Amino acid sequence: MSTYEWFLDGLIIVALLVLAVRALYAPDLFKAVFLFIVFGLLMALAWVRLKAPDIALAEAAIGAGLTGVLLLDAARHFNRPRPTPKSRAS
């Protein structure tokens, strides 16, 4: 392995660690979901570097794609204000 490849792998590792910590401690729910999606895409790149393209494709499609969309939809419903119940006159 050349120095360039070692540097690239180290950069991916550091970026994954930073993204994971920032996603866990993000104050905004949408920001946390966005960081999770970016983490999934970067993890797919790490799998490509490890010469596992099948796992990389699954990570990108399921981990970042499908799960990210479902989490964004759930966050949208979670942040929606609840309707106030109407009082019944008896």
Protein backbone atom coordinates (compact mmCIF):
# COMPACT_ATOMS: atom_id res chain seq x y z
CA MET A 1 0.00 0.00 0.00
CA SER A 2 1.23 3.43 -0.85
CA THR A 3 1.32 6.41 1.47
CA TYR A 4 -1.63 7.91 -0.40
CA GLU A 5 -3.80 4.85 0.30
CA TRP A 6 -2.85 4.86 4.00
CA PHE A 7 -3.71 8.54 4.21
CA LEU A 8 -7.06 8.00 2.47
CA ASP A 9 -7.97 5.10 4.76
CA GLY A 10 -7.00 7.12 7.84
CA LEU A 11 -9.06 10.06 6.62
CA ILE A 12 -12.10 7.81 6.12
CA ILE A 13 -11.71 6.37 9.61
CA VAL A 14 -11.45 9.79 11.24
CA ALA A 15 -14.39 11.10 9.23
CA LEU A 16 -16.53 8.11 10.23
CA LEU A 17 -15.71 8.62 13.90
CA VAL A 18 -16.45 12.36 13.75
CA LEU A 19 -19.73 11.80 11.89
CA ALA A 20 -20.83 9.12 14.35
CA VAL A 21 -20.19 11.34 17.39
CA ARG A 22 -21.81 14.39 15.76
CA ALA A 23 -24.88 12.35 14.77
CA LEU A 24 -25.27 11.07 18.33
CA TYR A 25 -25.00 14.50 19.92
CA ALA A 26 -26.79 16.60 17.29
CA PRO A 27 -29.32 18.92 18.94
CA ASP A 28 -31.61 18.99 15.90
CA LEU A 29 -33.35 15.81 14.79
CA PHE A 30 -33.11 16.58 11.07
CA LYS A 31 -29.40 17.33 11.40
CA ALA A 32 -28.88 13.99 13.16
CA VAL A 33 -30.69 12.13 10.38
CA PHE A 34 -28.71 13.98 7.71
CA LEU A 35 -25.43 13.11 9.47
CA PHE A 36 -26.59 9.48 9.68
CA ILE A 37 -27.18 9.42 5.91
CA VAL A 38 -23.74 10.91 5.24
CA PHE A 39 -22.26 8.35 7.64
CA GLY A 40 -23.92 5.54 5.67
CA LEU A 41 -22.55 6.82 2.38
CA LEU A 42 -19.06 7.18 3.81
CA MET A 43 -19.34 3.68 5.29
CA ALA A 44 -20.19 2.41 1.81
CA LEU A 45 -17.00 4.04 0.58
CA ALA A 46 -15.08 2.28 3.37
CA TRP A 47 -16.52 -1.06 2.22
CA VAL A 48 -15.37 -0.29 -1.33
CA ARG A 49 -11.86 0.40 0.01
CA LEU A 50 -12.01 -3.00 1.76
CA LYS A 51 -12.83 -4.60 -1.61
CA ALA A 52 -16.36 -5.64 -0.64
CA PRO A 53 -18.54 -4.06 -3.32
CA ASP A 54 -21.59 -6.18 -2.53
CA ILE A 55 -21.64 -4.98 1.07
CA ALA A 56 -20.95 -1.42 -0.09
CA LEU A 57 -23.94 -1.52 -2.41
CA ALA A 58 -26.18 -2.89 0.35
CA GLU A 59 -24.91 -0.23 2.77
CA ALA A 60 -25.58 2.57 0.32
CA ALA A 61 -29.02 1.30 -0.70
CA ILE A 62 -30.36 0.12 2.64
CA GLY A 63 -28.24 1.87 5.25
CA ALA A 64 -28.10 5.35 3.76
CA GLY A 65 -30.95 5.28 1.26
CA LEU A 66 -33.96 3.43 2.61
CA THR A 67 -33.24 3.92 6.31
CA GLY A 68 -32.44 7.59 5.76
CA VAL A 69 -35.73 8.21 3.96
CA LEU A 70 -37.69 6.39 6.66
CA LEU A 71 -35.95 8.36 9.41
CA LEU A 72 -36.60 11.65 7.62
CA ASP A 73 -40.28 10.76 7.31
CA ALA A 74 -40.45 9.78 10.97
CA ALA A 75 -38.72 13.02 12.00
CA ARG A 76 -41.21 15.01 9.93
CA HIS A 77 -44.13 13.33 11.72
CA PHE A 78 -42.41 13.65 15.07
CA ASN A 79 -41.97 17.43 14.75
CA ARG A 80 -45.54 18.05 13.58
CA PRO A 81 -47.65 19.78 16.26
CA ARG A 82 -50.40 17.64 17.67
CA PRO A 83 -53.97 18.76 17.19
CA THR A 84 -55.66 19.91 20.36
CA PRO A 85 -58.62 17.78 21.37
CA LYS A 86 -61.99 19.52 21.12
CA SER A 87 -63.97 19.64 24.30
CA ARG A 88 -67.45 18.14 24.10
CA ALA A 89 -70.37 20.03 25.50
CA SER A 90 -72.62 17.55 27.28
